[in-house]
Every structure is written in structure tokens, then in C-alpha cells.
Amino acid sequence: MTKQDLMDSQLAALEARFRERLRSELADMKALADQLQHTANPGAPVLQDLRDRLHKLAGSAGTFGYTDLGSRCRELEQQAQYELEREHYDHKALDALAIATQHLHMLLQRSTPAAQQPQTLSTAARQTAGGRHIGLLIEEQPLAQQMSKTLTSFGYQISLFRHQQELANASPPLDALIVDTSPRGHNMLLQAPFAERDGQAPPLLVISSQDDFISRLQAVRAGACGFFTKPVDLPSLESRLERSFNNHQGGPFRVLIVDDDTELAARYQLVLGNNGMLVDTASDPNLLLEKMHNFLPDVVLMDISMPDYSGPELAQVIRLNDDWLRVPIVYLSAETNAERQMDALLKAGDDFITKPISDSALLTTVYARAQRARMVSEALARDSLTGLLKHADIKEQVDIEIERARRCQQPMAVAMIDIDHFKSVNDQYGHAFGDNVIRALSNLLRQRLRKVDRLGRYGGEEFVAVLPNCNTTDAWLILEEIREAFNALQFSTDEHTFCCSFSAGISGCEEPEWDCDELLDQADRQLYRAKHAGRNRICSTSRDAADD
């Protein structure tokens, strides 16, 4: 059975369960309608109960394809609400409401749910996968060779092309394309973007000898995510290229659904889960805080009306915890009154989706909110220049990996890395070029180290790398390779080209009682030793000075 067949089967089972629930709900509502019609003074609780049930079906029926039934429930809900807000009941209006409610079951009998094709996110909204194969369409050979050498140092696979026609035969398919539009003819590429890969055009970066508005506008219209003028600052170009790949990284989005309608929540869970998101549900609000602590959602989908609690109340409970202030809360409701929607949003909410909700609207809203929330969280937790963890966060990672190493009885290494003679770079070329050097080293470290490794900007031009399950000897070999690659990078100003180097010190979790500060202090001592020995080298607690 394919994944699509499995989802179709699960949806069919959910819809069958919902139809059975509809029969039961409509029978209960008919009993309430009988009370309205045959009781001299039915009282507000009966009318409120009927209103609440109509509200619930107005939101869920349409989502499961019973559009006419959902629309009729919404109309009757509004009538019930109007009567509740009156000072004195209009018994004729209550009579009409009761009769209309009793006839709802007829809508169910003569209707079948409208077929809904399960929605999926476009390829552009999925996480980029596979290797990173970069195409260079550059006729100027010195520039092409220099760019190829630099990007290869960062770990990319590079292919050179002389003509646009060659792009279609690129193997493996391109993950990104860099085009020099300066030669005549290459501007044509901006009129007809190259072939898509799996329905998604790879990132396009444009190089031009023209630094004007029209050239930039043409690049934007072609879908370019980067524009660089000659002479090209290659580390800056690589930084933009890396950023284009990072838009959908960080693991699947995590969505918590808080809704007492279990069938509806199950449908949302199925649709979102089928599109690569991790979804958990909480039908009991008393479990909400526990779910928040254990699941750590990127987005909370919150039903606005639940027994004993309202969505805005629960949202405000969530907001009492500072750690959850950045988690977007999206209300789900059949409420169409703009004033009530605004009131709910002012009480700790971020967005409002009106039920019934199509699969596509659900996916689009949740994905956009989750992506934005993660970007904000990353921005707050990471250094703005390099995208690496900040000082306090990388120290926390050292503590985490020390505990893991002790628990699993595995080695771990910490490296302290510092750019050599960085002050002279700032003094000679300016702070902007100094920032480029810092970005280049951070990107190189990110490219060459493993996904499980942790990187942080410790301060200024100093970095810390945490390497779990790695002894100091292996760490030295890895960083030595990165040191050589960094030495090969060329940084360009308007008049000069220059290179940089770094020194590093490595320590390992060699003493059982060592904590974070002692491990970092040992790495710092080894870094000082490398600087004292002449810089552009790596020293380690496991290697003698003569070996470095």
C-alpha cells in the first residue's frame, strides 16, 4: 500500500466515524429542540447548549465535506446567539429555531460528503534534501576557476558551464546556479529561468558588472536570491548561498492541536502529518501544560470554544511562561463575528482560521506560522552575523555533551578557534571586510563539521566547536583540514586580495570531574600555546608541541 493509499484509507475511516457522530449529535440536538418547542420556559441553559452544539457542527461539518449542513448550522447558531442576547425571548423565533433544528437530520440523509483530494505542500515548502551540486555559468575563466576553488573549499560539488543549453544535462541535478550576466547572451537566462528540479527552481545567484536598479530588478524577476557585483566577494556569496539552503532546515515543524473535537483533531493531524510535520493533540485542556513541556511545539492550533474553557483563556495560560512567548497560537473557530475574532486575537492569539477549514488553508497557515516562528527563535538564539550559537548557548551545549559523554562513556572534544591577526584585518581593510572573514570561517566550520557537532561564536573573532563522540586526535585531524581550507580562501576588496589563517586549541573530556569551564579553560590554554608557537596551527591536550 502506498503512502497515498494509506492516507486515503485513514481519511475514509475518519469520515465514517464522523458520519456516525453526526447522527448522534443531530439526535441530541433534536431533543433540545423539542424542549424549546414544548416547554413554556426552557431557560438559557437549554438554548446555550443548543447554540454550542450548532457552533461545533458549523465548524466541523464543512471540513469533512458536509458543506450544506455546516452552513445551515452556522445560520441557526447565529439565530440562537441573537435570542440569548435578547432581554426577553421571542417564543415564535424559538419555535422556528426548534423546527429548523429538527429538520437538520434531513440534510444529512440526502447529502454525501464532497470528495476532497488530500492536500500536500508544494516542493518549495519542503525541506531541501540531497547533495549540494552548484552550477557556475561563467564565461570569464579566471573568475570561474577562483569561484570553483573557493566553493570547493566550502564542501560544495562544482560544475562549470559555458552555455545555457548545457544546464539541462547537469548530472546530478543542480541544487543551485550562479550566473554571470555580464557577457551578452547570459541576460537571456533572466528572461527564461532554467528547468525546475522536482517542481522547484534551485536557488539562483546573479553576478553582474552593472550595479544599477534595472539589473537588480531583472535578477529579482528571474527569482534570484542573491545579487553580486564585480569584483565578487566570494565569502559573502557563499554566505548567501548557504542561507538559501537553510530556509527549511532544523527538522520537521511541531504542531500541537488543542481541540475537544477528536475526529476533527484527528483529521488535522493526518493532513499535517502527511506533509512531514510532527503533530500531537490535547483534547483535555488539563494536560495542556504537560504537552507544552514535553512536545515543545513550533505552533499551537487552539479551538476557541471548548467545554469549561475558552481558547483565549488557555492561550493566556500558555503566555504566562516566558519560554512560550514566541510560540504562535492560531485560533480555530466557526466564529465569523469580526469583533469577537479581534477580541480573541487580543488575548494572546496570533492568527484566526475560520472553520470549516480546507486542507490547503490549514497547511498554508500552519507552515507559514511555523516557519516564521522558527526563524524568529533562531534569530534570537543565534549570533546575527554568523548564525552560530551565542556565548551562553554554546556553553550550555558543552555542559550537555559532557553529561552525554559520561553517561554513554564516549569521548568528546572541545575546540577553541581564533582568527590570527584579526585586528590588522579590521585596521587595514575595514570592519565590513573583517565581518566577511568571520562569516567565511563560520560557514566553513558549519560545512565541514558534522550535523551532530555544535558551533558557537564565543566572542569577537573567537569560536567554540563541540564535537561529541570524537577524541582529541580525530578532532585535531578534522580541524587541521579546515585550517588548510581556510588558508586557501581569498578575500577581495576593491584594490587588494588577501588571505587569513586561524589558530585553535583542543581539549577532551579526559578527567571525570571536569566541568564546562575547566574544559573550555584547557582548550583556551592550548589555543594560547598555538598562538605562542607562531599561529596558524592547532594544539591539543593529546599532542606534544613538537607534533603540532
Protein backbone atom coordinates (compact mmCIF):
# COMPACT_ATOMS: atom_id res chain seq x y z
CA MET A 1 0.00 0.00 0.00
CA THR A 2 1.41 3.39 -0.99
CA LYS A 3 1.55 6.35 1.36
CA GLN A 4 -1.28 8.00 -0.59
CA ASP A 5 -3.42 4.84 -0.38
CA LEU A 6 -2.81 4.68 3.36
CA MET A 7 -3.85 8.30 3.82
CA ASP A 8 -6.98 7.76 1.69
CA SER A 9 -7.89 4.77 3.85
CA GLN A 10 -7.33 6.71 7.09
CA LEU A 11 -9.41 9.64 5.84
CA ALA A 12 -12.23 7.30 4.83
CA ALA A 13 -12.21 5.77 8.33
CA LEU A 14 -12.30 9.24 9.93
CA GLU A 15 -15.17 10.32 7.70
CA ALA A 16 -17.17 7.16 8.57
CA ARG A 17 -16.65 7.86 12.28
CA PHE A 18 -17.70 11.48 11.80
CA ARG A 19 -20.91 10.49 9.98
CA GLU A 20 -21.85 8.22 12.88
CA ARG A 21 -21.12 11.05 15.29
CA LEU A 22 -23.30 13.37 13.21
CA ARG A 23 -26.26 11.06 13.62
CA SER A 24 -25.80 11.03 17.41
CA GLU A 25 -25.24 14.83 17.58
CA LEU A 26 -28.32 15.58 15.49
CA ALA A 27 -30.44 13.27 17.68
CA ASP A 28 -29.27 15.14 20.80
CA MET A 29 -29.97 18.49 19.15
CA LYS A 30 -33.44 17.33 18.15
CA ALA A 31 -34.13 16.52 21.83
CA LEU A 32 -33.00 20.04 22.80
CA ALA A 33 -35.21 21.49 20.06
CA ASP A 34 -38.17 19.55 21.46
CA GLN A 35 -37.56 21.18 24.85
CA LEU A 36 -37.50 24.62 23.22
CA GLN A 37 -40.74 23.93 21.41
CA HIS A 38 -42.76 22.20 24.13
CA THR A 39 -41.51 23.82 27.35
CA ALA A 40 -43.16 27.05 28.40
CA ASN A 41 -39.91 28.48 29.76
CA PRO A 42 -36.97 26.37 28.53
CA GLY A 43 -34.36 28.62 30.15
CA ALA A 44 -30.96 29.84 28.97
CA PRO A 45 -29.02 26.59 29.63
CA VAL A 46 -31.04 24.68 27.02
CA LEU A 47 -30.59 27.42 24.43
CA GLN A 48 -26.90 27.79 25.24
CA ASP A 49 -26.38 24.02 24.91
CA LEU A 50 -28.10 24.05 21.53
CA ARG A 51 -26.07 27.09 20.45
CA ASP A 52 -22.81 25.40 21.45
CA ARG A 53 -23.67 22.21 19.55
CA LEU A 54 -24.64 24.17 16.44
CA HIS A 55 -21.37 26.10 16.70
CA LYS A 56 -19.35 22.90 16.88
CA LEU A 57 -21.03 21.34 13.84
CA ALA A 58 -20.81 24.59 11.88
CA GLY A 59 -17.04 24.25 12.13
CA SER A 60 -16.55 20.54 11.67
CA ALA A 61 -19.22 19.51 9.13
CA GLY A 62 -17.76 21.57 6.30
CA THR A 63 -14.26 20.30 6.95
CA PHE A 64 -15.50 16.75 6.42
CA GLY A 65 -17.36 17.74 3.24
CA TYR A 66 -20.90 18.33 4.56
CA THR A 67 -20.95 21.91 3.30
CA ASP A 68 -24.73 22.48 3.24
CA LEU A 69 -25.18 21.04 6.71
CA GLY A 70 -22.33 23.16 8.08
CA SER A 71 -23.74 26.35 6.52
CA ARG A 72 -27.21 25.68 7.92
CA CYS A 73 -25.79 25.02 11.40
CA ARG A 74 -23.97 28.35 11.22
CA GLU A 75 -27.22 30.18 10.38
CA LEU A 76 -29.07 28.53 13.25
CA GLU A 77 -26.18 29.20 15.63
CA GLN A 78 -26.42 32.91 14.85
CA GLN A 79 -30.18 32.83 15.48
CA ALA A 80 -29.63 31.11 18.82
CA GLN A 81 -26.97 33.65 19.77
CA TYR A 82 -29.30 36.51 18.89
CA GLU A 83 -32.00 35.09 21.17
CA LEU A 84 -29.53 34.60 24.01
CA GLU A 85 -28.56 38.26 23.80
CA ARG A 86 -32.18 39.49 23.91
CA GLU A 87 -33.63 40.72 27.17
CA HIS A 88 -36.78 38.62 26.65
CA TYR A 89 -37.14 35.53 24.48
CA ASP A 90 -39.21 35.70 21.31
CA HIS A 91 -41.12 32.42 21.56
CA LYS A 92 -42.08 32.46 17.89
CA ALA A 93 -38.41 32.76 16.98
CA LEU A 94 -37.55 29.92 19.36
CA ASP A 95 -40.28 27.84 17.74
CA ALA A 96 -38.82 28.46 14.29
CA LEU A 97 -35.33 27.65 15.57
CA ALA A 98 -36.56 24.39 17.06
CA ILE A 99 -38.33 23.31 13.85
CA ALA A 100 -35.29 24.15 11.73
CA THR A 101 -33.06 22.18 14.09
CA GLN A 102 -35.36 19.17 13.93
CA HIS A 103 -35.04 19.21 10.13
CA LEU A 104 -31.23 19.14 10.14
CA HIS A 105 -31.22 15.35 10.02
CA MET A 106 -32.89 15.57 6.59
CA LEU A 107 -29.84 17.41 5.26
CA LEU A 108 -27.66 14.54 6.48
CA GLN A 109 -29.88 11.90 4.91
CA ARG A 110 -29.80 13.42 1.44
CA SER A 111 -26.17 14.54 1.43
CA THR A 112 -22.88 12.80 0.91
CA PRO A 113 -19.59 14.40 1.84
CA ALA A 114 -17.96 16.28 -1.02
CA ALA A 115 -14.88 14.43 -2.23
CA GLN A 116 -11.71 16.11 -1.03
CA GLN A 117 -8.34 15.31 -2.50
CA PRO A 118 -5.78 15.23 0.33
CA GLN A 119 -3.61 18.32 0.02
CA THR A 120 0.16 18.36 0.08
CA LEU A 121 2.63 21.20 0.33
CA SER A 122 4.43 22.22 -2.82
CA THR A 123 8.01 21.06 -3.19
CA ALA A 124 9.11 24.63 -2.48
CA ALA A 125 7.70 24.30 1.03
CA ARG A 126 9.55 21.10 1.83
CA GLN A 127 12.97 20.68 3.32
CA THR A 128 15.75 20.72 0.77
CA ALA A 129 17.36 17.28 0.56
CA GLY A 130 20.24 15.61 -1.21
CA GLY A 131 23.74 16.82 -2.02
CA ARG A 132 24.71 20.36 -2.89
CA HIS A 133 25.72 20.50 -6.52
CA ILE A 134 26.41 24.05 -7.66
CA GLY A 135 26.47 25.09 -11.32
CA LEU A 136 28.59 28.04 -12.49
CA LEU A 137 27.56 29.64 -15.79
CA ILE A 138 30.54 31.95 -16.09
CA GLU A 139 32.48 32.68 -19.30
CA GLU A 140 35.25 34.63 -17.56
CA GLN A 141 37.58 31.72 -16.82
CA PRO A 142 39.76 33.32 -14.08
CA LEU A 143 36.58 34.19 -12.13
CA ALA A 144 35.08 30.74 -12.76
CA GLN A 145 38.24 28.97 -11.57
CA GLN A 146 38.62 31.16 -8.49
CA MET A 147 34.96 30.71 -7.56
CA SER A 148 35.16 26.96 -8.17
CA LYS A 149 38.21 26.67 -5.92
CA THR A 150 36.60 28.72 -3.14
CA LEU A 151 33.27 26.89 -3.17
CA THR A 152 35.02 23.52 -3.33
CA SER A 153 36.87 24.54 -0.16
CA PHE A 154 33.47 25.03 1.48
CA GLY A 155 32.49 21.46 0.59
CA TYR A 156 30.30 22.04 -2.49
CA GLN A 157 30.43 19.97 -5.66
CA ILE A 158 31.06 22.35 -8.57
CA SER A 159 30.29 22.05 -12.29
CA LEU A 160 31.35 24.68 -14.83
CA PHE A 161 29.14 25.55 -17.82
CA ARG A 162 29.86 27.77 -20.81
CA HIS A 163 26.39 27.77 -22.38
CA GLN A 164 22.86 27.81 -21.04
CA GLN A 165 21.90 24.76 -23.13
CA GLU A 166 24.30 22.62 -21.09
CA LEU A 167 22.32 23.16 -17.88
CA ALA A 168 19.57 20.72 -18.83
CA ASN A 169 22.08 17.84 -18.88
CA ALA A 170 23.65 18.58 -15.50
CA SER A 171 24.27 15.38 -13.56
CA PRO A 172 23.49 15.11 -10.72
CA PRO A 173 20.76 17.79 -10.98
CA LEU A 174 21.79 21.23 -9.79
CA ASP A 175 20.94 22.38 -6.28
CA ALA A 176 21.85 25.99 -7.10
CA LEU A 177 23.03 28.04 -10.06
CA ILE A 178 25.38 31.03 -10.13
CA VAL A 179 25.22 33.08 -13.35
CA ASP A 180 27.44 35.88 -14.59
CA THR A 181 25.07 38.06 -16.63
CA SER A 182 27.81 40.39 -17.82
CA PRO A 183 28.53 38.60 -21.14
CA ARG A 184 25.99 39.25 -23.87
CA GLY A 185 23.50 36.42 -24.08
CA HIS A 186 23.51 35.41 -20.43
CA ASN A 187 20.93 38.10 -19.73
CA MET A 188 18.59 35.90 -21.73
CA LEU A 189 18.69 33.46 -18.82
CA LEU A 190 16.89 36.03 -16.73
CA GLN A 191 14.06 36.10 -19.26
CA ALA A 192 13.58 32.31 -19.14
CA PRO A 193 14.65 30.72 -15.83
CA PHE A 194 16.24 27.28 -16.07
CA ALA A 195 14.43 23.97 -15.61
CA GLU A 196 13.00 23.14 -12.23
CA ARG A 197 14.09 20.21 -10.08
CA ASP A 198 11.18 18.20 -8.68
CA GLY A 199 8.88 21.16 -9.31
CA GLN A 200 11.17 23.67 -7.59
CA ALA A 201 13.65 26.02 -9.20
CA PRO A 202 17.03 25.77 -7.45
CA PRO A 203 18.38 28.95 -5.83
CA LEU A 204 19.72 31.41 -8.41
CA LEU A 205 22.55 33.84 -7.61
CA VAL A 206 23.44 36.54 -10.13
CA ILE A 207 26.80 38.19 -10.77
CA SER A 208 26.88 41.41 -12.80
CA SER A 209 29.28 44.12 -13.83
CA GLN A 210 26.34 46.55 -13.67
CA ASP A 211 25.46 47.90 -10.23
CA ASP A 212 22.12 49.51 -11.10
CA PHE A 213 18.45 49.19 -10.32
CA ILE A 214 17.41 47.61 -13.63
CA SER A 215 19.99 44.81 -13.33
CA ARG A 216 18.79 44.02 -9.82
CA LEU A 217 15.14 44.14 -10.89
CA GLN A 218 15.81 41.68 -13.72
CA ALA A 219 17.52 39.35 -11.26
CA VAL A 220 14.58 39.53 -8.84
CA ARG A 221 12.07 38.84 -11.62
CA ALA A 222 14.05 35.74 -12.56
CA GLY A 223 13.80 34.51 -8.97
CA ALA A 224 17.34 35.34 -7.87
CA CYS A 225 18.02 35.16 -4.15
CA GLY A 226 21.38 36.94 -4.39
CA PHE A 227 22.96 39.69 -6.50
CA PHE A 228 26.70 40.45 -6.50
CA THR A 229 28.74 42.98 -8.45
CA LYS A 230 32.33 42.55 -9.57
CA PRO A 231 34.81 42.14 -8.01
CA VAL A 232 32.84 39.43 -6.24
CA ASP A 233 33.27 38.98 -2.50
CA LEU A 234 33.31 35.18 -2.56
CA PRO A 235 32.84 34.55 1.19
CA SER A 236 29.83 36.88 1.13
CA LEU A 237 28.45 34.99 -1.89
CA GLU A 238 28.93 31.67 -0.12
CA SER A 239 27.17 33.04 2.96
CA ARG A 240 24.13 33.95 0.85
CA LEU A 241 24.24 30.57 -0.86
CA GLU A 242 24.32 28.77 2.49
CA ARG A 243 21.43 30.87 3.75
CA SER A 244 19.34 29.87 0.74
CA PHE A 245 19.80 26.21 1.73
CA ASN A 246 18.95 26.84 5.36
CA ASN A 247 15.39 28.12 4.80
CA HIS A 248 13.82 24.73 5.56
CA GLN A 249 16.36 23.12 7.83
CA GLY A 250 16.00 22.34 11.50
CA GLY A 251 13.83 19.25 11.46
CA PRO A 252 10.09 18.88 10.91
CA PHE A 253 7.78 21.51 12.33
CA ARG A 254 6.00 20.51 15.54
CA VAL A 255 2.29 21.31 15.84
CA LEU A 256 0.12 20.92 18.94
CA ILE A 257 -3.65 20.77 18.31
CA VAL A 258 -5.90 21.69 21.26
CA ASP A 259 -9.46 20.74 20.34
CA ASP A 260 -12.15 18.75 22.15
CA ASP A 261 -13.48 17.51 18.77
CA THR A 262 -11.39 14.35 18.49
CA GLU A 263 -12.42 13.45 14.92
CA LEU A 264 -11.64 16.95 13.66
CA ALA A 265 -8.31 17.00 15.50
CA ALA A 266 -7.50 13.58 14.02
CA ARG A 267 -8.17 14.90 10.52
CA TYR A 268 -5.92 17.92 11.06
CA GLN A 269 -3.26 15.61 12.48
CA LEU A 270 -3.48 13.33 9.45
CA VAL A 271 -3.28 16.17 6.92
CA LEU A 272 -0.37 17.94 8.65
CA GLY A 273 1.46 14.70 9.47
CA ASN A 274 1.20 13.57 5.85
CA ASN A 275 3.11 16.71 4.93
CA GLY A 276 6.10 15.99 7.14
CA MET A 277 5.06 17.74 10.35
CA LEU A 278 5.13 16.19 13.81
CA VAL A 279 1.67 16.58 15.34
CA ASP A 280 0.34 15.95 18.85
CA THR A 281 -3.15 16.59 20.17
CA ALA A 282 -4.63 17.64 23.51
CA SER A 283 -8.36 17.11 23.88
CA ASP A 284 -8.16 17.59 27.65
CA PRO A 285 -7.04 21.16 28.50
CA ASN A 286 -5.80 19.95 31.88
CA LEU A 287 -2.95 18.23 30.01
CA LEU A 288 -2.02 21.36 28.04
CA LEU A 289 0.98 22.47 30.12
CA GLU A 290 2.37 18.95 30.24
CA LYS A 291 2.06 18.72 26.45
CA MET A 292 3.79 22.08 26.01
CA HIS A 293 6.72 20.99 28.21
CA ASN A 294 7.16 17.57 26.63
CA PHE A 295 6.36 18.27 22.97
CA LEU A 296 7.84 21.81 22.58
CA PRO A 297 5.62 22.84 19.65
CA ASP A 298 6.50 25.38 16.96
CA VAL A 299 2.79 26.24 16.59
CA VAL A 300 -0.34 25.70 18.70
CA LEU A 301 -3.70 25.28 16.95
CA MET A 302 -6.33 26.21 19.53
CA ASP A 303 -10.08 25.67 19.29
CA ILE A 304 -11.72 28.82 20.57
CA SER A 305 -14.75 27.16 22.21
CA MET A 306 -14.37 24.13 24.48
CA PRO A 307 -16.37 22.84 27.46
CA ASP A 308 -15.41 24.69 30.67
CA TYR A 309 -12.59 26.62 28.97
CA SER A 310 -12.19 29.10 26.14
CA GLY A 311 -9.31 29.17 23.69
CA PRO A 312 -8.24 32.70 24.72
CA GLU A 313 -8.13 31.60 28.37
CA LEU A 314 -5.87 28.67 27.54
CA ALA A 315 -3.72 30.87 25.30
CA GLN A 316 -3.18 33.28 28.19
CA VAL A 317 -2.22 30.35 30.43
CA ILE A 318 0.46 29.43 27.87
CA ARG A 319 1.71 33.02 27.72
CA LEU A 320 2.35 33.03 31.48
CA ASN A 321 5.53 31.06 30.69
CA ASP A 322 8.23 33.30 29.18
CA ASP A 323 9.69 30.34 27.28
CA TRP A 324 6.48 30.08 25.21
CA LEU A 325 6.03 33.74 24.32
CA ARG A 326 7.49 33.10 20.85
CA VAL A 327 5.18 30.14 20.07
CA PRO A 328 2.40 31.34 17.72
CA ILE A 329 -1.15 30.42 18.73
CA VAL A 330 -3.62 30.07 15.88
CA TYR A 331 -7.29 30.02 16.86
CA LEU A 332 -9.66 27.63 15.09
CA SER A 333 -13.33 28.54 15.25
CA ALA A 334 -16.61 28.77 13.37
CA GLU A 335 -16.88 32.30 14.80
CA THR A 336 -17.39 34.82 11.96
CA ASN A 337 -18.08 37.93 14.01
CA ALA A 338 -15.12 40.23 13.34
CA GLU A 339 -15.40 41.92 16.72
CA ARG A 340 -15.27 38.61 18.59
CA GLN A 341 -12.38 37.43 16.44
CA MET A 342 -10.45 40.62 17.25
CA ASP A 343 -11.19 40.20 20.96
CA ALA A 344 -9.79 36.64 20.82
CA LEU A 345 -6.66 37.77 18.99
CA LEU A 346 -6.03 40.49 21.55
CA LYS A 347 -5.99 37.78 24.22
CA ALA A 348 -2.69 36.09 23.40
CA GLY A 349 -3.54 34.86 19.88
CA ASP A 350 -1.58 35.39 16.65
CA ASP A 351 -3.94 34.29 13.89
CA PHE A 352 -7.50 33.18 13.30
CA ILE A 353 -8.75 30.47 10.92
CA THR A 354 -12.49 30.23 10.42
CA LYS A 355 -13.98 26.75 10.30
CA PRO A 356 -14.66 24.89 8.07
CA ILE A 357 -11.00 24.78 7.09
CA SER A 358 -9.79 23.38 3.80
CA ASP A 359 -6.69 21.23 3.84
CA SER A 360 -4.80 23.77 1.74
CA ALA A 361 -5.69 26.68 4.05
CA LEU A 362 -4.66 24.65 7.09
CA LEU A 363 -1.33 23.67 5.54
CA THR A 364 -0.51 27.15 4.28
CA THR A 365 -1.31 28.88 7.57
CA VAL A 366 0.44 26.37 9.81
CA TYR A 367 3.53 26.13 7.61
CA ALA A 368 3.90 29.92 7.30
CA ARG A 369 3.47 30.44 11.03
CA ALA A 370 5.82 27.60 11.98
CA GLN A 371 8.50 28.76 9.56
CA ARG A 372 8.30 32.34 10.79
CA ALA A 373 8.35 31.27 14.45
CA ARG A 374 11.40 29.12 13.92
CA MET A 375 13.19 31.91 12.09
CA VAL A 376 12.49 34.29 14.98
CA SER A 377 13.62 31.73 17.57
CA GLU A 378 16.79 31.04 15.62
CA ALA A 379 17.48 34.75 15.27
CA LEU A 380 17.11 35.31 19.00
CA ALA A 381 19.21 32.28 19.97
CA ARG A 382 21.96 32.82 17.42
CA ASP A 383 24.57 35.40 16.63
CA SER A 384 23.25 37.77 13.97
CA LEU A 385 26.50 37.93 11.96
CA THR A 386 27.33 34.22 11.75
CA GLY A 387 24.11 32.38 12.56
CA LEU A 388 26.03 30.38 15.18
CA LEU A 389 25.00 29.89 18.80
CA LYS A 390 25.72 32.77 21.14
CA HIS A 391 28.21 32.62 24.02
CA ALA A 392 25.77 31.38 26.69
CA ASP A 393 24.11 28.88 24.35
CA ILE A 394 27.34 27.21 23.22
CA LYS A 395 28.43 26.88 26.86
CA GLU A 396 25.13 25.16 27.55
CA GLN A 397 25.89 22.74 24.71
CA VAL A 398 29.28 21.96 26.27
CA ASP A 399 27.51 21.05 29.52
CA ILE A 400 25.01 18.86 27.65
CA GLU A 401 27.71 16.97 25.76
CA ILE A 402 29.84 16.47 28.89
CA GLU A 403 26.88 14.80 30.58
CA ARG A 404 26.17 12.72 27.48
CA ALA A 405 29.83 11.63 27.24
CA ARG A 406 29.85 10.49 30.86
CA ARG A 407 26.51 8.71 30.57
CA CYS A 408 27.39 6.90 27.34
CA GLN A 409 31.10 6.50 28.23
CA GLN A 410 32.10 8.12 24.94
CA PRO A 411 34.80 10.67 24.16
CA MET A 412 34.06 14.29 23.34
CA ALA A 413 36.25 17.21 22.33
CA VAL A 414 36.01 20.98 22.55
CA ALA A 415 37.92 23.32 20.25
CA MET A 416 38.60 27.00 20.80
CA ILE A 417 39.31 28.74 17.46
CA ASP A 418 40.64 32.25 16.92
CA ILE A 419 41.38 34.15 13.69
CA ASP A 420 45.02 35.22 13.52
CA HIS A 421 45.94 38.93 13.37
CA PHE A 422 42.28 39.85 13.07
CA LYS A 423 42.80 43.39 14.38
CA SER A 424 45.12 44.13 11.46
CA VAL A 425 42.40 42.97 9.03
CA ASN A 426 39.97 45.46 10.54
CA ASP A 427 42.58 48.22 10.64
CA GLN A 428 43.77 47.69 7.05
CA TYR A 429 40.56 46.77 5.21
CA GLY A 430 37.76 47.99 7.48
CA HIS A 431 35.26 46.31 9.78
CA ALA A 432 32.96 45.32 6.90
CA PHE A 433 35.67 43.11 5.43
CA GLY A 434 36.51 41.86 8.90
CA ASP A 435 32.89 40.73 9.21
CA ASN A 436 33.24 38.88 5.89
CA VAL A 437 36.23 36.97 7.25
CA ILE A 438 34.28 36.00 10.39
CA ARG A 439 31.31 34.87 8.28
CA ALA A 440 33.57 32.88 5.96
CA LEU A 441 35.14 30.92 8.82
CA SER A 442 31.77 30.26 10.46
CA ASN A 443 30.36 28.96 7.17
CA LEU A 444 33.41 26.81 6.55
CA LEU A 445 33.18 25.28 10.01
CA ARG A 446 29.47 24.64 9.54
CA GLN A 447 30.09 22.97 6.17
CA ARG A 448 32.97 20.76 7.24
CA LEU A 449 31.82 19.65 10.69
CA ARG A 450 29.16 17.00 11.30
CA LYS A 451 25.47 17.72 11.84
CA VAL A 452 25.80 16.48 15.44
CA ASP A 453 28.59 18.92 16.21
CA ARG A 454 27.75 22.26 17.82
CA LEU A 455 29.22 25.62 16.87
CA GLY A 456 29.15 28.94 18.65
CA ARG A 457 30.63 32.39 18.35
CA TYR A 458 32.33 32.82 21.68
CA GLY A 459 33.11 36.48 21.17
CA GLY A 460 34.66 38.73 18.54
CA GLU A 461 36.71 36.56 16.19
CA GLU A 462 36.68 33.56 18.55
CA PHE A 463 34.64 30.37 18.03
CA VAL A 464 33.91 27.22 20.01
CA ALA A 465 33.22 23.83 18.43
CA VAL A 466 31.79 20.94 20.46
CA LEU A 467 32.42 17.50 18.94
CA PRO A 468 30.51 14.63 20.59
CA ASN A 469 31.82 11.06 20.32
CA CYS A 470 35.12 12.38 18.99
CA ASN A 471 38.53 12.04 20.65
CA THR A 472 41.12 14.82 20.58
CA THR A 473 43.25 13.09 17.93
CA ASP A 474 40.36 12.87 15.47
CA ALA A 475 39.31 16.41 16.34
CA TRP A 476 42.83 17.62 15.51
CA LEU A 477 42.73 15.90 12.10
CA ILE A 478 39.33 17.43 11.29
CA LEU A 479 40.33 20.94 12.28
CA GLU A 480 43.67 20.66 10.51
CA GLU A 481 41.81 20.01 7.26
CA ILE A 482 39.56 23.02 7.91
CA ARG A 483 42.60 25.18 8.73
CA GLU A 484 44.17 24.37 5.36
CA ALA A 485 40.91 25.11 3.55
CA PHE A 486 40.59 28.47 5.34
CA ASN A 487 44.14 29.36 4.37
CA ALA A 488 43.18 28.82 0.72
CA LEU A 489 40.26 31.26 0.80
CA GLN A 490 40.85 34.59 -0.91
CA PHE A 491 39.14 37.77 0.28
CA SER A 492 38.78 40.62 -2.20
CA THR A 493 38.50 44.35 -1.71
CA ASP A 494 38.30 46.92 -4.49
CA GLU A 495 42.11 47.02 -4.74
CA HIS A 496 43.50 44.07 -2.82
CA THR A 497 43.23 40.34 -2.36
CA PHE A 498 44.26 38.82 0.95
CA CYS A 499 44.16 35.54 2.89
CA CYS A 500 43.70 34.76 6.58
CA SER A 501 44.52 31.95 8.97
CA PHE A 502 43.35 30.73 12.35
CA SER A 503 44.80 29.03 15.40
CA ALA A 504 42.97 26.51 17.56
CA GLY A 505 43.26 24.69 20.86
CA ILE A 506 41.60 21.35 21.58
CA SER A 507 40.75 19.71 24.88
CA GLY A 508 38.97 16.45 25.62
CA CYS A 509 36.76 15.26 28.45
CA GLU A 510 39.72 13.44 29.99
CA GLU A 511 39.06 13.97 33.69
CA PRO A 512 35.74 12.66 35.09
CA GLU A 513 35.30 15.67 37.33
CA TRP A 514 35.93 18.31 34.63
CA ASP A 515 33.04 20.68 34.05
CA CYS A 516 32.29 23.10 31.22
CA ASP A 517 34.51 25.91 32.48
CA GLU A 518 37.51 23.59 33.05
CA LEU A 519 37.14 22.03 29.58
CA LEU A 520 36.95 25.44 27.92
CA ASP A 521 39.87 26.66 30.01
CA GLN A 522 42.01 23.72 28.82
CA ALA A 523 41.08 24.46 25.19
CA ASP A 524 41.96 28.13 25.75
CA ARG A 525 45.36 27.13 27.16
CA GLN A 526 46.02 25.07 24.03
CA LEU A 527 44.93 28.00 21.85
CA TYR A 528 47.41 30.27 23.67
CA ARG A 529 50.08 27.65 23.08
CA ALA A 530 49.29 27.64 19.33
CA LYS A 531 49.48 31.44 19.22
CA HIS A 532 52.74 31.47 21.13
CA ALA A 533 54.23 28.89 18.74
CA GLY A 534 53.70 31.14 15.71
CA ARG A 535 49.95 30.98 14.93
CA ASN A 536 48.25 29.23 12.00
CA ARG A 537 48.37 25.90 13.83
CA ILE A 538 46.37 23.64 16.12
CA CYS A 539 47.45 22.42 19.55
CA SER A 540 45.78 19.72 21.59
CA THR A 541 45.99 18.28 25.08
CA SER A 542 46.83 14.91 23.50
CA ARG A 543 49.69 16.12 21.28
CA ASP A 544 53.15 17.34 22.15
CA ALA A 545 54.31 20.72 20.94
CA ALA A 546 56.78 19.02 18.61
CA ASP A 547 53.91 17.26 16.82
CA ASP A 548 51.89 20.41 16.11
